[in-house]
Amino acid sequence: MHRPLRLTIDAKAIQSNWRWLADYAGVPAGAAVKADGYGLGARETTEALIAAGCRDFFVSTWAEAEALGNLPDDVSLVVLYGVGADDVEAAARLRARPCLNSAEQVARWKQIAPGRACDVMVDTGMNRLGLRPTEIDVVNDLVIDTLHSHLACADEDDPLNEMQLERFRAVASAVWAKRYAFANSAGIGLGREYSFDLVRPGISIYGGIQRSEFEGNIRQVARVEAQIVQRRTIPEGESCGYGATFVAKEDTEAAILNIGYADGYLRGFSSHGSAFAGEFALPVLGRVSMDLIAVGVDAAPGLKEGDWVEIDYDLPSASKQSGLSQYELLTTLGSRFERVWK
């Protein structure tokens, strides 16, 4: 069945981004493939990164772990949100390791799989997941593959970064683990003192740029295209779209595209987003609706019904246009796209 929306994902760009992040960190890099590979496809992303040399992957839940299927024996998979009371069967059955976040999870894991390796998260100041440093004694008899913490403000030069680093160093010196991991994508940009033994990039694998250090090195991964449903001329003085927020100052050539907030192209792009026909920029006119947007095509009047245009979805640029985070831009992309891997 034909779909009027196309999402093209560049596997080579994913591999290139991962390699650059690992080189910049100076240590091995894993990959976060949670949320279905940040909306692009967890299985396909994992396969591309395994081919590039990645051997450590991270998901949120046991359902996500199971959805990845069988991975090579030398590849490890970690469930970041640990093992809850409802996860016991899956945790016992699947090869993935839990990252334990609380004393309750530690006790549960000791009952489920005594002596089996796990990961542990320590909270150094984010106050989200993880054991407080004062609770860390509960892990003393665990077999810990990797001890983790997570940065709260790595995309900014915030004093909390160094404070968390010192706290993690203190815990790492007191708790034995095979490896220690601290830096997410943005944390890699803070410098090699944040790298420890393993880094856990996520959004930057998929084209996200949180820090200036990444500019010119991280490649765009996802390209969004939409088909023209109808061409029309908006007469001078008339409006277009809900709320009549766009009023034509002169006769305006417009194309109506088959994309809207149901597809993840959210209302923040209203009158701020843009598309491209070759080198020509096409501004979004008025509000984004559920399934449709209007773009001005005065710069490319030859466009016609059925033609494809590319939505400006370079993550830093689209984030500025819409006010959405780069994470939101990817993970909200909907199921109506034909996903094409190249």
Protein backbone atom coordinates (compact mmCIF):
# COMPACT_ATOMS: atom_id res chain seq x y z
CA MET A 1 0.00 0.00 0.00
CA HIS A 2 1.37 3.39 -1.00
CA ARG A 3 2.24 5.77 1.84
CA PRO A 4 2.52 9.53 1.25
CA LEU A 5 5.16 9.88 3.98
CA ARG A 6 8.72 8.63 3.82
CA LEU A 7 11.39 8.45 6.51
CA THR A 8 14.82 7.63 5.12
CA ILE A 9 17.41 6.47 7.66
CA ASP A 10 21.10 6.52 6.78
CA ALA A 11 22.80 3.50 8.37
CA LYS A 12 26.25 4.74 7.35
CA ALA A 13 25.60 8.02 9.17
CA ILE A 14 24.63 6.09 12.30
CA GLN A 15 27.87 4.12 12.08
CA SER A 16 29.93 7.23 11.39
CA ASN A 17 28.42 9.09 14.36
CA TRP A 18 29.05 6.17 16.70
CA ARG A 19 32.67 5.82 15.58
CA TRP A 20 33.32 9.53 16.01
CA LEU A 21 31.83 9.52 19.51
CA ALA A 22 33.96 6.54 20.52
CA ASP A 23 37.09 8.20 19.11
CA TYR A 24 36.32 11.47 20.89
CA ALA A 25 35.69 9.66 24.18
CA GLY A 26 38.86 7.59 23.85
CA VAL A 27 37.14 4.48 25.23
CA PRO A 28 34.65 1.91 23.87
CA ALA A 29 31.17 3.25 23.19
CA GLY A 30 27.90 1.44 23.72
CA ALA A 31 24.62 2.61 22.23
CA ALA A 32 21.22 3.47 23.67
CA VAL A 33 18.59 1.90 21.40
CA LYS A 34 15.62 2.42 23.73
CA ALA A 35 12.33 3.86 22.49
CA ASP A 36 12.67 1.74 19.34
CA GLY A 37 16.04 3.23 18.49
CA TYR A 38 14.83 6.75 19.27
CA GLY A 39 11.93 6.22 16.89
CA LEU A 40 13.99 5.04 13.92
CA GLY A 41 14.06 1.27 14.52
CA ALA A 42 15.91 -0.48 17.32
CA ARG A 43 16.59 -3.71 15.47
CA GLU A 44 17.97 -2.03 12.36
CA THR A 45 20.06 0.39 14.42
CA THR A 46 21.48 -2.44 16.50
CA GLU A 47 22.39 -4.45 13.41
CA ALA A 48 24.14 -1.45 11.83
CA LEU A 49 26.12 -0.76 14.99
CA ILE A 50 27.09 -4.39 15.55
CA ALA A 51 28.53 -4.31 12.03
CA ALA A 52 30.47 -1.17 13.01
CA GLY A 53 31.92 -2.85 16.11
CA CYS A 54 29.55 -1.84 18.92
CA ARG A 55 29.15 -4.53 21.59
CA ASP A 56 27.12 -2.84 24.36
CA PHE A 57 23.48 -1.85 23.94
CA PHE A 58 20.97 -0.28 26.33
CA VAL A 59 17.17 -0.42 26.39
CA SER A 60 14.62 0.76 28.93
CA THR A 61 12.44 -2.29 29.56
CA TRP A 62 12.41 -6.06 29.30
CA ALA A 63 9.82 -5.81 26.53
CA GLU A 64 12.29 -3.75 24.52
CA ALA A 65 15.00 -6.32 25.24
CA GLU A 66 12.82 -9.18 24.01
CA ALA A 67 11.84 -7.25 20.88
CA LEU A 68 15.49 -7.11 19.80
CA GLY A 69 15.56 -10.89 19.53
CA ASN A 70 18.72 -12.97 19.64
CA LEU A 71 21.96 -11.02 19.58
CA PRO A 72 25.44 -12.43 18.97
CA ASP A 73 27.06 -14.06 21.98
CA ASP A 74 29.71 -11.35 22.26
CA VAL A 75 27.09 -8.56 22.43
CA SER A 76 25.68 -7.42 25.76
CA LEU A 77 22.26 -5.89 26.34
CA VAL A 78 21.33 -3.94 29.48
CA VAL A 79 17.83 -3.07 30.72
CA LEU A 80 18.36 0.36 32.24
CA TYR A 81 15.24 0.47 34.42
CA GLY A 82 16.20 -2.61 36.37
CA VAL A 83 13.97 -5.44 37.45
CA GLY A 84 10.56 -4.73 38.97
CA ALA A 85 8.18 -7.15 40.63
CA ASP A 86 6.44 -7.77 37.29
CA ASP A 87 9.72 -8.38 35.45
CA VAL A 88 10.85 -11.49 37.31
CA GLU A 89 9.90 -14.03 34.64
CA ALA A 90 11.47 -12.05 31.81
CA ALA A 91 14.60 -11.25 33.79
CA ALA A 92 15.14 -14.92 34.59
CA ARG A 93 14.50 -16.02 31.01
CA LEU A 94 16.31 -13.39 28.90
CA ARG A 95 20.06 -13.02 28.54
CA ALA A 96 19.99 -9.24 29.11
CA ARG A 97 21.42 -7.78 32.31
CA PRO A 98 19.43 -5.46 34.54
CA CYS A 99 20.84 -2.16 35.71
CA LEU A 100 19.75 -2.18 39.35
CA ASN A 101 18.50 1.16 40.67
CA SER A 102 17.27 0.58 44.22
CA ALA A 103 17.81 -1.58 47.28
CA GLU A 104 14.54 -3.36 46.43
CA GLN A 105 15.81 -4.22 42.96
CA VAL A 106 19.12 -5.43 44.39
CA ALA A 107 17.30 -7.77 46.79
CA ARG A 108 15.03 -9.01 44.01
CA TRP A 109 17.97 -9.75 41.70
CA LYS A 110 19.76 -11.70 44.43
CA GLN A 111 16.68 -13.92 44.69
CA ILE A 112 16.14 -14.29 40.94
CA ALA A 113 19.70 -14.93 39.81
CA PRO A 114 22.23 -15.20 42.63
CA GLY A 115 25.75 -14.87 41.25
CA ARG A 116 24.61 -13.70 37.80
CA ALA A 117 26.19 -10.48 36.55
CA CYS A 118 24.25 -7.23 36.63
CA ASP A 119 24.83 -3.51 36.23
CA VAL A 120 24.19 -0.92 38.95
CA MET A 121 23.16 2.73 38.72
CA VAL A 122 24.28 5.19 41.38
CA ASP A 123 22.57 8.57 41.72
CA THR A 124 25.18 11.33 41.89
CA GLY A 125 22.79 14.26 41.75
CA MET A 126 20.12 13.79 39.11
CA ASN A 127 17.59 12.40 41.62
CA ARG A 128 15.90 10.22 39.07
CA LEU A 129 17.10 6.60 39.07
CA GLY A 130 19.85 4.97 41.10
CA LEU A 131 21.09 4.14 44.56
CA ARG A 132 22.20 7.03 46.71
CA PRO A 133 25.91 6.83 47.63
CA THR A 134 24.87 6.23 51.23
CA GLU A 135 23.00 3.05 50.12
CA ILE A 136 25.80 1.58 48.06
CA ASP A 137 26.80 -1.05 50.63
CA VAL A 138 23.85 -3.21 49.50
CA VAL A 139 25.74 -4.07 46.28
CA ASN A 140 28.84 -5.50 47.98
CA ASP A 141 28.10 -9.15 47.17
CA LEU A 142 26.84 -8.54 43.62
CA VAL A 143 28.75 -9.46 40.48
CA ILE A 144 28.77 -6.02 38.84
CA ASP A 145 29.66 -5.80 35.19
CA THR A 146 29.28 -2.01 34.91
CA LEU A 147 28.69 0.66 37.54
CA HIS A 148 26.84 3.64 36.03
CA SER A 149 25.76 7.13 36.86
CA HIS A 150 23.97 9.71 34.72
CA LEU A 151 24.67 13.39 34.11
CA ALA A 152 21.86 15.89 34.56
CA CYS A 153 23.29 18.96 32.80
CA ALA A 154 25.94 17.69 30.39
CA ASP A 155 24.62 19.77 27.49
CA GLU A 156 25.60 22.89 29.45
CA ASP A 157 28.77 23.97 31.26
CA ASP A 158 27.06 23.66 34.62
CA PRO A 159 28.85 23.30 38.00
CA LEU A 160 26.73 20.21 38.65
CA ASN A 161 28.75 18.30 36.04
CA GLU A 162 31.98 18.51 38.02
CA MET A 163 30.14 17.88 41.28
CA GLN A 164 28.63 14.68 39.86
CA LEU A 165 32.02 13.65 38.50
CA GLU A 166 33.63 13.90 41.93
CA ARG A 167 30.78 11.97 43.52
CA PHE A 168 31.04 9.22 40.94
CA ARG A 169 34.79 8.97 41.39
CA ALA A 170 34.28 8.53 45.11
CA VAL A 171 31.73 5.75 44.65
CA ALA A 172 33.81 4.07 41.93
CA SER A 173 36.80 3.93 44.25
CA ALA A 174 34.71 2.13 46.88
CA VAL A 175 32.75 -0.32 44.67
CA TRP A 176 34.39 -2.94 42.50
CA ALA A 177 33.01 -3.40 39.03
CA LYS A 178 34.40 -4.75 35.80
CA ARG A 179 33.77 -1.34 34.19
CA TYR A 180 32.62 2.15 35.07
CA ALA A 181 30.37 4.26 32.81
CA PHE A 182 29.28 7.86 33.28
CA ALA A 183 28.95 9.86 30.05
CA ASN A 184 25.90 10.01 27.81
CA SER A 185 26.05 11.74 24.41
CA ALA A 186 26.49 15.24 25.81
CA GLY A 187 28.76 13.96 28.56
CA ILE A 188 31.23 12.77 25.92
CA GLY A 189 31.64 16.41 24.92
CA LEU A 190 32.73 17.38 28.44
CA GLY A 191 36.09 15.68 27.97
CA ARG A 192 37.84 12.40 28.56
CA GLU A 193 37.82 12.68 32.33
CA TYR A 194 34.11 11.84 32.03
CA SER A 195 34.69 8.75 29.86
CA PHE A 196 35.89 6.16 32.43
CA ASP A 197 35.74 2.68 30.77
CA LEU A 198 32.62 2.96 28.64
CA VAL A 199 30.37 5.72 27.30
CA ARG A 200 26.64 5.43 26.54
CA PRO A 201 25.76 7.71 23.62
CA GLY A 202 22.16 7.97 22.52
CA ILE A 203 20.78 11.00 20.68
CA SER A 204 24.07 11.89 18.99
CA ILE A 205 24.18 8.49 17.28
CA TYR A 206 20.95 9.54 15.59
CA GLY A 207 22.14 13.00 14.53
CA GLY A 208 21.57 15.04 17.70
CA ILE A 209 23.99 17.83 18.56
CA GLN A 210 23.88 19.06 22.17
CA ARG A 211 27.30 20.69 22.38
CA SER A 212 29.48 22.76 20.06
CA GLU A 213 32.17 20.06 20.13
CA PHE A 214 29.94 17.89 17.95
CA GLU A 215 29.25 20.44 15.21
CA GLY A 216 30.66 19.40 11.86
CA ASN A 217 31.27 15.85 13.11
CA ILE A 218 27.81 14.39 13.73
CA ARG A 219 25.90 13.64 10.54
CA GLN A 220 22.16 13.88 9.94
CA VAL A 221 20.61 10.40 10.07
CA ALA A 222 16.87 10.79 9.43
CA ARG A 223 15.30 12.56 6.47
CA VAL A 224 11.55 13.21 6.35
CA GLU A 225 9.66 13.58 3.07
CA ALA A 226 5.99 14.24 2.41
CA GLN A 227 3.93 14.15 -0.74
CA ILE A 228 1.89 17.04 -2.08
CA VAL A 229 -1.85 16.38 -1.84
CA GLN A 230 -2.97 19.55 -3.58
CA ARG A 231 -1.58 22.74 -5.13
CA ARG A 232 -3.46 25.96 -4.74
CA THR A 233 -3.19 29.74 -4.82
CA ILE A 234 -4.15 31.58 -1.63
CA PRO A 235 -5.62 34.90 -2.81
CA GLU A 236 -4.34 38.15 -1.31
CA GLY A 237 -6.15 38.90 1.94
CA GLU A 238 -7.40 35.34 2.49
CA SER A 239 -6.25 33.02 5.25
CA CYS A 240 -5.04 29.43 5.33
CA GLY A 241 -5.52 26.78 8.00
CA TYR A 242 -7.15 26.60 11.41
CA GLY A 243 -7.45 29.82 13.34
CA ALA A 244 -6.65 31.86 10.21
CA THR A 245 -3.19 32.54 11.64
CA PHE A 246 -1.71 33.00 8.16
CA VAL A 247 -3.14 35.72 5.93
CA ALA A 248 -1.69 36.18 2.44
CA LYS A 249 -0.23 39.64 1.86
CA GLU A 250 -0.36 38.89 -1.85
CA ASP A 251 -1.45 36.00 -4.02
CA THR A 252 0.60 33.12 -2.59
CA GLU A 253 1.44 29.81 -4.22
CA ALA A 254 0.99 26.97 -1.71
CA ALA A 255 1.29 23.20 -1.54
CA ILE A 256 -0.70 21.12 0.92
CA LEU A 257 1.44 18.28 2.31
CA ASN A 258 0.28 14.98 3.75
CA ILE A 259 1.92 15.37 7.19
CA GLY A 260 0.77 16.70 10.56
CA TYR A 261 0.91 16.30 14.29
CA ALA A 262 -0.47 12.74 14.09
CA ASP A 263 2.83 11.91 12.40
CA GLY A 264 4.97 13.69 14.97
CA TYR A 265 5.26 16.94 13.03
CA LEU A 266 3.93 18.87 15.98
CA ARG A 267 2.20 22.22 16.28
CA GLY A 268 5.41 23.93 17.37
CA PHE A 269 6.30 24.06 13.67
CA SER A 270 3.23 26.21 12.92
CA SER A 271 4.45 29.26 10.94
CA HIS A 272 8.02 28.35 11.97
CA GLY A 273 8.90 25.14 10.14
CA SER A 274 10.12 24.74 6.60
CA ALA A 275 10.55 22.25 3.80
CA PHE A 276 12.82 22.06 0.77
CA ALA A 277 12.35 21.51 -2.94
CA GLY A 278 15.95 21.05 -3.99
CA GLU A 279 17.74 24.22 -2.91
CA PHE A 280 14.55 26.22 -2.40
CA ALA A 281 13.19 26.76 1.12
CA LEU A 282 9.42 26.45 1.53
CA PRO A 283 8.00 28.07 4.71
CA VAL A 284 5.17 26.48 6.68
CA LEU A 285 2.08 28.70 6.37
CA GLY A 286 -0.15 28.85 9.44
CA ARG A 287 -0.97 26.02 11.79
CA VAL A 288 0.04 22.40 11.61
CA SER A 289 -3.10 20.26 11.68
CA MET A 290 -3.52 16.54 12.35
CA ASP A 291 -2.68 15.28 8.86
CA LEU A 292 -1.83 18.35 6.77
CA ILE A 293 0.37 21.41 6.52
CA ALA A 294 0.58 24.18 3.96
CA VAL A 295 3.93 25.39 2.66
CA GLY A 296 4.61 28.38 0.47
CA VAL A 297 6.02 27.41 -2.92
CA ASP A 298 6.51 30.80 -4.57
CA ALA A 299 10.21 29.85 -4.84
CA ALA A 300 9.33 26.58 -6.63
CA PRO A 301 6.06 27.19 -8.52
CA GLY A 302 6.58 24.13 -10.71
CA LEU A 303 5.74 21.74 -7.86
CA LYS A 304 2.57 19.76 -8.48
CA GLU A 305 0.28 17.20 -6.88
CA GLY A 306 2.16 13.97 -6.14
CA ASP A 307 5.59 15.57 -5.94
CA TRP A 308 7.73 14.93 -2.86
CA VAL A 309 9.32 17.62 -0.72
CA GLU A 310 11.78 17.19 2.12
CA ILE A 311 10.84 18.54 5.54
CA ASP A 312 13.63 20.43 7.30
CA TYR A 313 14.38 17.82 9.96
CA ASP A 314 18.03 18.46 10.69
CA LEU A 315 17.70 18.05 14.45
CA PRO A 316 19.39 21.24 15.73
CA SER A 317 17.64 23.35 13.07
CA ALA A 318 14.22 21.74 13.58
CA SER A 319 14.59 22.09 17.35
CA LYS A 320 15.12 25.84 17.01
CA GLN A 321 12.17 26.16 14.65
CA SER A 322 9.72 24.24 16.82
CA GLY A 323 10.89 24.72 20.41
CA LEU A 324 10.95 20.92 20.77
CA SER A 325 13.94 18.99 22.06
CA GLN A 326 15.95 16.92 19.59
CA TYR A 327 14.79 13.81 21.49
CA GLU A 328 11.12 14.71 21.00
CA LEU A 329 11.63 15.33 17.30
CA LEU A 330 12.77 11.75 16.72
CA THR A 331 10.71 9.75 19.18
CA THR A 332 7.38 11.29 18.13
CA LEU A 333 7.70 10.27 14.47
CA GLY A 334 4.62 8.17 13.80
CA SER A 335 3.75 4.81 12.29
CA ARG A 336 2.39 6.22 9.02
CA PHE A 337 5.87 6.75 7.61
CA GLU A 338 7.34 4.28 5.17
CA ARG A 339 10.70 3.68 6.84
CA VAL A 340 13.47 3.21 4.30
CA TRP A 341 16.95 2.16 5.45
CA LYS A 342 19.84 2.84 3.14
